Amino acid sequence: NALKKYYPESSVDAEVLAEAANRHILKDILLENRTVQQYLSQKIKV
């Protein structure tokens, strides 16, 4: 659906894109939250 809306001319396979997104950008849900990022970094530090 995202490809159809924003990249209608693209020939990228949706399953390949979903797999790559889960591998590379899914973590950003946590990392883009400043509080979560600081919480995890503090846990690693101690």
All heavy atoms as atom14 arrays in JSON, in Angstrom:
{
  "sequence": "NALKKYYPESSVDAEVLAEAANRHILKDILLENRTVQQYLSQKIKV",
  "atom14_mask": [
    [1, 1, 1, 1, 1, 1, 1, 1, 0, 0, 0, 0, 0, 0],
    [1, 1, 1, 1, 1, 0, 0, 0, 0, 0, 0, 0, 0, 0],
    [1, 1, 1, 1, 1, 1, 1, 1, 0, 0, 0, 0, 0, 0],
    [1, 1, 1, 1, 1, 1, 1, 1, 1, 0, 0, 0, 0, 0],
    [1, 1, 1, 1, 1, 1, 1, 1, 1, 0, 0, 0, 0, 0],
    [1, 1, 1, 1, 1, 1, 1, 1, 1, 1, 1, 1, 0, 0],
    [1, 1, 1, 1, 1, 1, 1, 1, 1, 1, 1, 1, 0, 0],
    [1, 1, 1, 1, 1, 1, 1, 0, 0, 0, 0, 0, 0, 0],
    [1, 1, 1, 1, 1, 1, 1, 1, 1, 0, 0, 0, 0, 0],
    [1, 1, 1, 1, 1, 1, 0, 0, 0, 0, 0, 0, 0, 0],
    [1, 1, 1, 1, 1, 1, 0, 0, 0, 0, 0, 0, 0, 0],
    [1, 1, 1, 1, 1, 1, 1, 0, 0, 0, 0, 0, 0, 0],
    [1, 1, 1, 1, 1, 1, 1, 1, 0, 0, 0, 0, 0, 0],
    [1, 1, 1, 1, 1, 0, 0, 0, 0, 0, 0, 0, 0, 0],
    [1, 1, 1, 1, 1, 1, 1, 1, 1, 0, 0, 0, 0, 0],
    [1, 1, 1, 1, 1, 1, 1, 0, 0, 0, 0, 0, 0, 0],
    [1, 1, 1, 1, 1, 1, 1, 1, 0, 0, 0, 0, 0, 0],
    [1, 1, 1, 1, 1, 0, 0, 0, 0, 0, 0, 0, 0, 0],
    [1, 1, 1, 1, 1, 1, 1, 1, 1, 0, 0, 0, 0, 0],
    [1, 1, 1, 1, 1, 0, 0, 0, 0, 0, 0, 0, 0, 0],
    [1, 1, 1, 1, 1, 0, 0, 0, 0, 0, 0, 0, 0, 0],
    [1, 1, 1, 1, 1, 1, 1, 1, 0, 0, 0, 0, 0, 0],
    [1, 1, 1, 1, 1, 1, 1, 1, 1, 1, 1, 0, 0, 0],
    [1, 1, 1, 1, 1, 1, 1, 1, 1, 1, 0, 0, 0, 0],
    [1, 1, 1, 1, 1, 1, 1, 1, 0, 0, 0, 0, 0, 0],
    [1, 1, 1, 1, 1, 1, 1, 1, 0, 0, 0, 0, 0, 0],
    [1, 1, 1, 1, 1, 1, 1, 1, 1, 0, 0, 0, 0, 0],
    [1, 1, 1, 1, 1, 1, 1, 1, 0, 0, 0, 0, 0, 0],
    [1, 1, 1, 1, 1, 1, 1, 1, 0, 0, 0, 0, 0, 0],
    [1, 1, 1, 1, 1, 1, 1, 1, 0, 0, 0, 0, 0, 0],
    [1, 1, 1, 1, 1, 1, 1, 1, 0, 0, 0, 0, 0, 0],
    [1, 1, 1, 1, 1, 1, 1, 1, 1, 0, 0, 0, 0, 0],
    [1, 1, 1, 1, 1, 1, 1, 1, 0, 0, 0, 0, 0, 0],
    [1, 1, 1, 1, 1, 1, 1, 1, 1, 1, 1, 0, 0, 0],
    [1, 1, 1, 1, 1, 1, 1, 0, 0, 0, 0, 0, 0, 0],
    [1, 1, 1, 1, 1, 1, 1, 0, 0, 0, 0, 0, 0, 0],
    [1, 1, 1, 1, 1, 1, 1, 1, 1, 0, 0, 0, 0, 0],
    [1, 1, 1, 1, 1, 1, 1, 1, 1, 0, 0, 0, 0, 0],
    [1, 1, 1, 1, 1, 1, 1, 1, 1, 1, 1, 1, 0, 0],
    [1, 1, 1, 1, 1, 1, 1, 1, 0, 0, 0, 0, 0, 0],
    [1, 1, 1, 1, 1, 1, 0, 0, 0, 0, 0, 0, 0, 0],
    [1, 1, 1, 1, 1, 1, 1, 1, 1, 0, 0, 0, 0, 0],
    [1, 1, 1, 1, 1, 1, 1, 1, 1, 0, 0, 0, 0, 0],
    [1, 1, 1, 1, 1, 1, 1, 1, 0, 0, 0, 0, 0, 0],
    [1, 1, 1, 1, 1, 1, 1, 1, 1, 0, 0, 0, 0, 0],
    [1, 1, 1, 1, 1, 1, 1, 0, 0, 0, 0, 0, 0, 0]
  ],
  "atom14_positions": [
    [[0.82, -1.21, 0.0], [0.0, 0.0, 0.0], [0.86, 1.26, 0.0], [0.53, 2.25, -0.66], [-0.92, 0.01, 1.23], [-1.98, -1.07, 1.16], [-2.35, -1.52, 0.06], [-2.49, -1.5, 2.31], [0.0, 0.0, 0.0], [0.0, 0.0, 0.0], [0.0, 0.0, 0.0], [0.0, 0.0, 0.0], [0.0, 0.0, 0.0], [0.0, 0.0, 0.0]],
    [[1.96, 1.24, 0.75], [2.85, 2.4, 0.79], [3.51, 2.63, -0.56], [3.63, 3.77, -1.03], [3.92, 2.2, 1.87], [0.0, 0.0, 0.0], [0.0, 0.0, 0.0], [0.0, 0.0, 0.0], [0.0, 0.0, 0.0], [0.0, 0.0, 0.0], [0.0, 0.0, 0.0], [0.0, 0.0, 0.0], [0.0, 0.0, 0.0], [0.0, 0.0, 0.0]],
    [[3.93, 1.54, -1.21], [4.54, 1.67, -2.54], [3.53, 2.21, -3.54], [3.86, 3.05, -4.39], [5.07, 0.32, -3.0], [6.36, -0.18, -2.35], [6.66, -1.62, -2.76], [7.53, 0.72, -2.73], [0.0, 0.0, 0.0], [0.0, 0.0, 0.0], [0.0, 0.0, 0.0], [0.0, 0.0, 0.0], [0.0, 0.0, 0.0], [0.0, 0.0, 0.0]],
    [[2.31, 1.72, -3.47], [1.27, 2.15, -4.41], [0.97, 3.63, -4.26], [0.71, 4.33, -5.26], [0.01, 1.32, -4.17], [-1.1, 1.61, -5.16], [-2.3, 0.71, -4.91], [-3.43, 1.01, -5.9], [-4.61, 0.14, -5.65], [0.0, 0.0, 0.0], [0.0, 0.0, 0.0], [0.0, 0.0, 0.0], [0.0, 0.0, 0.0], [0.0, 0.0, 0.0]],
    [[1.05, 4.14, -3.02], [0.72, 5.54, -2.78], [1.88, 6.47, -3.07], [1.67, 7.54, -3.67], [0.27, 5.71, -1.33], [-0.17, 7.13, -0.99], [-0.72, 7.21, 0.43], [-1.2, 8.62, 0.76], [-1.75, 8.71, 2.14], [0.0, 0.0, 0.0], [0.0, 0.0, 0.0], [0.0, 0.0, 0.0], [0.0, 0.0, 0.0], [0.0, 0.0, 0.0]],
    [[3.1, 6.1, -2.67], [4.24, 7.03, -2.75], [5.21, 6.7, -3.88], [5.93, 7.59, -4.34], [4.99, 7.05, -1.42], [4.16, 7.54, -0.26], [3.63, 6.67, 0.67], [3.87, 8.89, -0.12], [2.85, 7.12, 1.73], [3.09, 9.36, 0.92], [2.59, 8.46, 1.85], [1.82, 8.91, 2.89], [0.0, 0.0, 0.0], [0.0, 0.0, 0.0]],
    [[5.25, 5.46, -4.31], [6.15, 5.07, -5.4], [5.39, 4.17, -6.39], [5.72, 2.99, -6.56], [7.37, 4.32, -4.85], [8.31, 5.17, -4.04], [8.12, 5.35, -2.68], [9.39, 5.83, -4.65], [8.98, 6.15, -1.94], [10.24, 6.63, -3.92], [10.03, 6.78, -2.56], [10.89, 7.57, -1.82], [0.0, 0.0, 0.0], [0.0, 0.0, 0.0]],
    [[4.37, 4.7, -7.05], [3.56, 3.86, -7.96], [4.35, 3.33, -9.15], [3.97, 2.32, -9.74], [2.45, 4.82, -8.41], [3.01, 6.19, -8.2], [3.89, 6.09, -7.01], [0.0, 0.0, 0.0], [0.0, 0.0, 0.0], [0.0, 0.0, 0.0], [0.0, 0.0, 0.0], [0.0, 0.0, 0.0], [0.0, 0.0, 0.0], [0.0, 0.0, 0.0]],
    [[5.43, 4.01, -9.5], [6.22, 3.57, -10.66], [7.27, 2.54, -10.29], [7.94, 1.98, -11.18], [6.9, 4.78, -11.31], [8.11, 5.34, -10.54], [7.76, 6.08, -9.27], [6.55, 6.3, -9.05], [8.66, 6.42, -8.5], [0.0, 0.0, 0.0], [0.0, 0.0, 0.0], [0.0, 0.0, 0.0], [0.0, 0.0, 0.0], [0.0, 0.0, 0.0]],
    [[7.44, 2.25, -9.0], [8.49, 1.35, -8.55], [8.15, -0.11, -8.85], [6.98, -0.52, -8.79], [8.72, 1.52, -7.05], [9.66, 0.58, -6.58], [0.0, 0.0, 0.0], [0.0, 0.0, 0.0], [0.0, 0.0, 0.0], [0.0, 0.0, 0.0], [0.0, 0.0, 0.0], [0.0, 0.0, 0.0], [0.0, 0.0, 0.0], [0.0, 0.0, 0.0]],
    [[9.17, -0.88, -9.16], [9.02, -2.31, -9.42], [9.49, -3.16, -8.24], [9.66, -4.37, -8.37], [9.8, -2.7, -10.68], [11.19, -2.41, -10.53], [0.0, 0.0, 0.0], [0.0, 0.0, 0.0], [0.0, 0.0, 0.0], [0.0, 0.0, 0.0], [0.0, 0.0, 0.0], [0.0, 0.0, 0.0], [0.0, 0.0, 0.0], [0.0, 0.0, 0.0]],
    [[9.73, -2.54, -7.08], [10.21, -3.24, -5.91], [9.15, -4.21, -5.4], [7.96, -3.87, -5.32], [10.6, -2.24, -4.8], [10.88, -2.96, -3.48], [11.81, -1.44, -5.22], [0.0, 0.0, 0.0], [0.0, 0.0, 0.0], [0.0, 0.0, 0.0], [0.0, 0.0, 0.0], [0.0, 0.0, 0.0], [0.0, 0.0, 0.0], [0.0, 0.0, 0.0]],
    [[9.55, -5.44, -5.08], [8.65, -6.44, -4.53], [8.27, -6.06, -3.1], [9.13, -5.77, -2.27], [9.32, -7.82, -4.55], [8.36, -8.91, -4.1], [8.29, -9.18, -2.89], [7.66, -9.47, -4.98], [0.0, 0.0, 0.0], [0.0, 0.0, 0.0], [0.0, 0.0, 0.0], [0.0, 0.0, 0.0], [0.0, 0.0, 0.0], [0.0, 0.0, 0.0]],
    [[6.97, -6.05, -2.8], [6.49, -5.61, -1.49], [7.0, -6.51, -0.37], [7.3, -6.04, 0.73], [4.97, -5.57, -1.49], [0.0, 0.0, 0.0], [0.0, 0.0, 0.0], [0.0, 0.0, 0.0], [0.0, 0.0, 0.0], [0.0, 0.0, 0.0], [0.0, 0.0, 0.0], [0.0, 0.0, 0.0], [0.0, 0.0, 0.0], [0.0, 0.0, 0.0]],
    [[7.1, -7.82, -0.61], [7.58, -8.73, 0.43], [9.05, -8.46, 0.75], [9.47, -8.51, 1.91], [7.38, -10.17, -0.02], [5.91, -10.58, -0.11], [5.75, -12.05, -0.41], [6.79, -12.75, -0.55], [4.6, -12.52, -0.5], [0.0, 0.0, 0.0], [0.0, 0.0, 0.0], [0.0, 0.0, 0.0], [0.0, 0.0, 0.0], [0.0, 0.0, 0.0]],
    [[9.84, -8.19, -0.3], [11.26, -7.88, -0.08], [11.4, -6.57, 0.7], [12.22, -6.46, 1.62], [12.01, -7.78, -1.43], [13.46, -7.36, -1.21], [11.94, -9.11, -2.17], [0.0, 0.0, 0.0], [0.0, 0.0, 0.0], [0.0, 0.0, 0.0], [0.0, 0.0, 0.0], [0.0, 0.0, 0.0], [0.0, 0.0, 0.0], [0.0, 0.0, 0.0]],
    [[10.58, -5.58, 0.38], [10.62, -4.31, 1.08], [10.21, -4.48, 2.55], [10.85, -3.91, 3.45], [9.71, -3.3, 0.4], [9.6, -1.92, 1.06], [10.97, -1.23, 1.07], [8.56, -1.04, 0.36], [0.0, 0.0, 0.0], [0.0, 0.0, 0.0], [0.0, 0.0, 0.0], [0.0, 0.0, 0.0], [0.0, 0.0, 0.0], [0.0, 0.0, 0.0]],
    [[9.15, -5.27, 2.79], [8.7, -5.5, 4.17], [9.77, -6.21, 4.98], [10.03, -5.85, 6.14], [7.41, -6.3, 4.16], [0.0, 0.0, 0.0], [0.0, 0.0, 0.0], [0.0, 0.0, 0.0], [0.0, 0.0, 0.0], [0.0, 0.0, 0.0], [0.0, 0.0, 0.0], [0.0, 0.0, 0.0], [0.0, 0.0, 0.0], [0.0, 0.0, 0.0]],
    [[10.42, -7.21, 4.39], [11.49, -7.92, 5.1], [12.65, -6.99, 5.43], [13.19, -7.02, 6.54], [11.97, -9.09, 4.25], [13.07, -9.92, 4.91], [13.59, -11.01, 4.01], [13.04, -11.21, 2.91], [14.57, -11.68, 4.4], [0.0, 0.0, 0.0], [0.0, 0.0, 0.0], [0.0, 0.0, 0.0], [0.0, 0.0, 0.0], [0.0, 0.0, 0.0]],
    [[13.04, -6.16, 4.46], [14.14, -5.22, 4.69], [13.75, -4.17, 5.74], [14.57, -3.79, 6.58], [14.52, -4.53, 3.39], [0.0, 0.0, 0.0], [0.0, 0.0, 0.0], [0.0, 0.0, 0.0], [0.0, 0.0, 0.0], [0.0, 0.0, 0.0], [0.0, 0.0, 0.0], [0.0, 0.0, 0.0], [0.0, 0.0, 0.0], [0.0, 0.0, 0.0]],
    [[12.51, -3.71, 5.72], [12.06, -2.71, 6.7], [12.05, -3.29, 8.11], [12.46, -2.63, 9.06], [10.67, -2.21, 6.32], [0.0, 0.0, 0.0], [0.0, 0.0, 0.0], [0.0, 0.0, 0.0], [0.0, 0.0, 0.0], [0.0, 0.0, 0.0], [0.0, 0.0, 0.0], [0.0, 0.0, 0.0], [0.0, 0.0, 0.0], [0.0, 0.0, 0.0]],
    [[11.6, -4.53, 8.25], [11.61, -5.17, 9.57], [13.02, -5.35, 10.1], [13.26, -5.29, 11.3], [10.91, -6.53, 9.5], [9.4, -6.41, 9.41], [8.8, -5.56, 10.06], [8.77, -7.24, 8.59], [0.0, 0.0, 0.0], [0.0, 0.0, 0.0], [0.0, 0.0, 0.0], [0.0, 0.0, 0.0], [0.0, 0.0, 0.0], [0.0, 0.0, 0.0]],
    [[13.95, -5.53, 9.21], [15.34, -5.76, 9.61], [16.06, -4.46, 9.95], [16.93, -4.44, 10.83], [16.08, -6.51, 8.51], [17.48, -6.97, 8.9], [18.04, -7.98, 7.92], [18.21, -7.46, 6.57], [17.48, -7.8, 5.53], [16.47, -8.67, 5.69], [17.69, -7.29, 4.33], [0.0, 0.0, 0.0], [0.0, 0.0, 0.0], [0.0, 0.0, 0.0]],
    [[15.7, -3.37, 9.29], [16.52, -2.15, 9.4], [15.83, -0.98, 10.09], [16.51, -0.17, 10.72], [16.99, -1.71, 8.01], [17.97, -2.63, 7.38], [19.26, -2.8, 7.84], [17.85, -3.48, 6.32], [19.9, -3.67, 7.1], [19.08, -4.11, 6.17], [0.0, 0.0, 0.0], [0.0, 0.0, 0.0], [0.0, 0.0, 0.0], [0.0, 0.0, 0.0]],
    [[14.53, -0.82, 9.94], [13.9, 0.39, 10.48], [12.92, 0.12, 11.6], [12.45, 1.07, 12.24], [13.19, 1.2, 9.36], [11.93, 0.46, 8.88], [14.13, 1.48, 8.21], [11.09, 1.28, 7.91], [0.0, 0.0, 0.0], [0.0, 0.0, 0.0], [0.0, 0.0, 0.0], [0.0, 0.0, 0.0], [0.0, 0.0, 0.0], [0.0, 0.0, 0.0]],
    [[12.59, -1.13, 11.87], [11.62, -1.43, 12.92], [12.11, -0.96, 14.28], [11.33, -0.52, 15.13], [11.33, -2.93, 12.95], [10.04, -3.36, 13.66], [8.81, -2.74, 13.0], [9.9, -4.88, 13.66], [0.0, 0.0, 0.0], [0.0, 0.0, 0.0], [0.0, 0.0, 0.0], [0.0, 0.0, 0.0], [0.0, 0.0, 0.0], [0.0, 0.0, 0.0]],
    [[13.42, -1.02, 14.49], [14.01, -0.6, 15.78], [13.81, 0.89, 16.04], [13.88, 1.35, 17.18], [15.5, -0.91, 15.79], [16.32, -0.11, 14.78], [17.77, -0.47, 14.82], [18.6, 0.43, 13.91], [18.15, 0.38, 12.49], [0.0, 0.0, 0.0], [0.0, 0.0, 0.0], [0.0, 0.0, 0.0], [0.0, 0.0, 0.0], [0.0, 0.0, 0.0]],
    [[13.57, 1.66, 14.96], [13.44, 3.11, 15.13], [12.21, 3.51, 15.92], [12.13, 4.64, 16.42], [13.41, 3.79, 13.76], [14.74, 3.66, 13.03], [15.73, 3.33, 13.7], [14.79, 3.86, 11.8], [0.0, 0.0, 0.0], [0.0, 0.0, 0.0], [0.0, 0.0, 0.0], [0.0, 0.0, 0.0], [0.0, 0.0, 0.0], [0.0, 0.0, 0.0]],
    [[11.23, 2.61, 16.06], [10.07, 2.91, 16.9], [10.54, 3.19, 18.33], [10.04, 4.09, 19.01], [9.07, 1.74, 16.88], [8.46, 1.6, 15.48], [7.97, 1.95, 17.92], [7.49, 0.45, 15.35], [0.0, 0.0, 0.0], [0.0, 0.0, 0.0], [0.0, 0.0, 0.0], [0.0, 0.0, 0.0], [0.0, 0.0, 0.0], [0.0, 0.0, 0.0]],
    [[11.54, 2.43, 18.79], [12.1, 2.65, 20.11], [13.13, 3.77, 20.11], [13.15, 4.62, 21.0], [12.74, 1.37, 20.64], [11.8, 0.18, 20.93], [12.6, -0.99, 21.46], [10.72, 0.56, 21.91], [0.0, 0.0, 0.0], [0.0, 0.0, 0.0], [0.0, 0.0, 0.0], [0.0, 0.0, 0.0], [0.0, 0.0, 0.0], [0.0, 0.0, 0.0]],
    [[14.01, 3.79, 19.11], [15.13, 4.74, 19.12], [14.68, 6.17, 18.92], [15.35, 7.1, 19.36], [16.15, 4.34, 18.05], [16.88, 3.02, 18.28], [17.83, 2.73, 17.14], [17.64, 3.04, 19.6], [0.0, 0.0, 0.0], [0.0, 0.0, 0.0], [0.0, 0.0, 0.0], [0.0, 0.0, 0.0], [0.0, 0.0, 0.0], [0.0, 0.0, 0.0]],
    [[13.56, 6.38, 18.22], [13.09, 7.75, 18.0], [12.4, 8.32, 19.23], [12.07, 9.5, 19.26], [12.14, 7.79, 16.79], [12.86, 7.58, 15.47], [11.93, 7.64, 14.29], [10.7, 7.73, 14.51], [12.41, 7.59, 13.14], [0.0, 0.0, 0.0], [0.0, 0.0, 0.0], [0.0, 0.0, 0.0], [0.0, 0.0, 0.0], [0.0, 0.0, 0.0]],
    [[12.19, 7.48, 20.24], [11.67, 7.94, 21.53], [12.87, 8.25, 22.42], [13.59, 7.35, 22.83], [10.78, 6.86, 22.16], [10.09, 7.36, 23.42], [10.67, 8.05, 24.25], [8.82, 6.98, 23.57], [0.0, 0.0, 0.0], [0.0, 0.0, 0.0], [0.0, 0.0, 0.0], [0.0, 0.0, 0.0], [0.0, 0.0, 0.0], [0.0, 0.0, 0.0]],
    [[13.08, 9.53, 22.72], [14.26, 9.95, 23.46], [14.32, 9.3, 24.84], [15.39, 8.93, 25.33], [14.25, 11.48, 23.59], [15.53, 12.1, 24.08], [15.53, 13.57, 23.74], [14.33, 14.23, 24.22], [14.25, 14.9, 25.37], [15.3, 14.95, 26.15], [13.14, 15.49, 25.73], [0.0, 0.0, 0.0], [0.0, 0.0, 0.0], [0.0, 0.0, 0.0]],
    [[13.18, 9.15, 25.48], [13.15, 8.56, 26.81], [13.57, 7.09, 26.77], [14.34, 6.62, 27.61], [11.74, 8.69, 27.41], [11.36, 10.06, 27.43], [11.7, 8.13, 28.82], [0.0, 0.0, 0.0], [0.0, 0.0, 0.0], [0.0, 0.0, 0.0], [0.0, 0.0, 0.0], [0.0, 0.0, 0.0], [0.0, 0.0, 0.0], [0.0, 0.0, 0.0]],
    [[13.08, 6.36, 25.77], [13.44, 4.94, 25.63], [14.92, 4.8, 25.32], [15.6, 3.92, 25.86], [12.58, 4.28, 24.53], [13.03, 2.84, 24.3], [11.11, 4.32, 24.91], [0.0, 0.0, 0.0], [0.0, 0.0, 0.0], [0.0, 0.0, 0.0], [0.0, 0.0, 0.0], [0.0, 0.0, 0.0], [0.0, 0.0, 0.0], [0.0, 0.0, 0.0]],
    [[15.41, 5.66, 24.44], [16.83, 5.59, 24.07], [17.72, 5.81, 25.29], [18.69, 5.09, 25.5], [17.12, 6.63, 23.0], [18.51, 6.53, 22.39], [18.75, 7.62, 21.37], [19.66, 8.43, 21.52], [17.94, 7.64, 20.33], [0.0, 0.0, 0.0], [0.0, 0.0, 0.0], [0.0, 0.0, 0.0], [0.0, 0.0, 0.0], [0.0, 0.0, 0.0]],
    [[17.39, 6.78, 26.11], [18.18, 7.04, 27.31], [18.03, 5.91, 28.33], [18.98, 5.55, 29.01], [17.75, 8.37, 27.93], [18.11, 9.58, 27.09], [17.67, 10.88, 27.73], [16.9, 10.88, 28.69], [18.14, 11.99, 27.19], [0.0, 0.0, 0.0], [0.0, 0.0, 0.0], [0.0, 0.0, 0.0], [0.0, 0.0, 0.0], [0.0, 0.0, 0.0]],
    [[16.83, 5.34, 28.4], [16.6, 4.22, 29.33], [17.48, 3.03, 28.97], [18.16, 2.44, 29.83], [15.13, 3.84, 29.29], [14.8, 2.53, 29.99], [14.67, 2.47, 31.37], [14.63, 1.36, 29.25], [14.38, 1.27, 32.01], [14.34, 0.16, 29.87], [14.21, 0.12, 31.25], [13.94, -1.07, 31.87], [0.0, 0.0, 0.0], [0.0, 0.0, 0.0]],
    [[17.5, 2.66, 27.68], [18.3, 1.5, 27.25], [19.8, 1.78, 27.4], [20.56, 0.9, 27.82], [17.96, 1.16, 25.8], [16.57, 0.57, 25.56], [16.32, 0.36, 24.08], [16.39, -0.75, 26.31], [0.0, 0.0, 0.0], [0.0, 0.0, 0.0], [0.0, 0.0, 0.0], [0.0, 0.0, 0.0], [0.0, 0.0, 0.0], [0.0, 0.0, 0.0]],
    [[20.22, 2.98, 27.06], [21.65, 3.3, 27.16], [22.12, 3.26, 28.61], [23.24, 2.81, 28.9], [21.94, 4.67, 26.55], [21.27, 5.69, 27.25], [0.0, 0.0, 0.0], [0.0, 0.0, 0.0], [0.0, 0.0, 0.0], [0.0, 0.0, 0.0], [0.0, 0.0, 0.0], [0.0, 0.0, 0.0], [0.0, 0.0, 0.0], [0.0, 0.0, 0.0]],
    [[21.26, 3.71, 29.52], [21.62, 3.66, 30.94], [21.7, 2.23, 31.43], [22.59, 1.87, 32.21], [20.6, 4.46, 31.76], [20.92, 4.53, 33.25], [22.23, 5.26, 33.52], [22.64, 6.11, 32.74], [22.89, 4.91, 34.61], [0.0, 0.0, 0.0], [0.0, 0.0, 0.0], [0.0, 0.0, 0.0], [0.0, 0.0, 0.0], [0.0, 0.0, 0.0]],
    [[20.77, 1.39, 30.98], [20.8, -0.03, 31.35], [22.07, -0.7, 30.86], [22.69, -1.51, 31.57], [19.58, -0.74, 30.76], [18.26, -0.4, 31.45], [18.21, -0.96, 32.86], [16.86, -0.76, 33.5], [16.8, -1.28, 34.89], [0.0, 0.0, 0.0], [0.0, 0.0, 0.0], [0.0, 0.0, 0.0], [0.0, 0.0, 0.0], [0.0, 0.0, 0.0]],
    [[22.49, -0.38, 29.64], [23.73, -0.95, 29.11], [24.92, -0.48, 29.91], [25.84, -1.25, 30.22], [23.89, -0.55, 27.62], [22.78, -1.17, 26.78], [25.26, -0.99, 27.09], [22.78, -0.71, 25.34], [0.0, 0.0, 0.0], [0.0, 0.0, 0.0], [0.0, 0.0, 0.0], [0.0, 0.0, 0.0], [0.0, 0.0, 0.0], [0.0, 0.0, 0.0]],
    [[24.91, 0.78, 30.29], [26.05, 1.35, 31.0], [26.27, 0.7, 32.36], [27.41, 0.49, 32.79], [25.84, 2.86, 31.16], [27.02, 3.59, 31.75], [26.77, 5.09, 31.76], [27.97, 5.84, 32.32], [27.73, 7.3, 32.32], [0.0, 0.0, 0.0], [0.0, 0.0, 0.0], [0.0, 0.0, 0.0], [0.0, 0.0, 0.0], [0.0, 0.0, 0.0]],
    [[25.18, 0.37, 33.07], [25.33, -0.19, 34.41], [25.39, -1.71, 34.41], [25.61, -2.32, 35.46], [24.15, 0.27, 35.31], [24.12, 1.78, 35.41], [22.81, -0.25, 34.79], [0.0, 0.0, 0.0], [0.0, 0.0, 0.0], [0.0, 0.0, 0.0], [0.0, 0.0, 0.0], [0.0, 0.0, 0.0], [0.0, 0.0, 0.0], [0.0, 0.0, 0.0]]
  ]
}
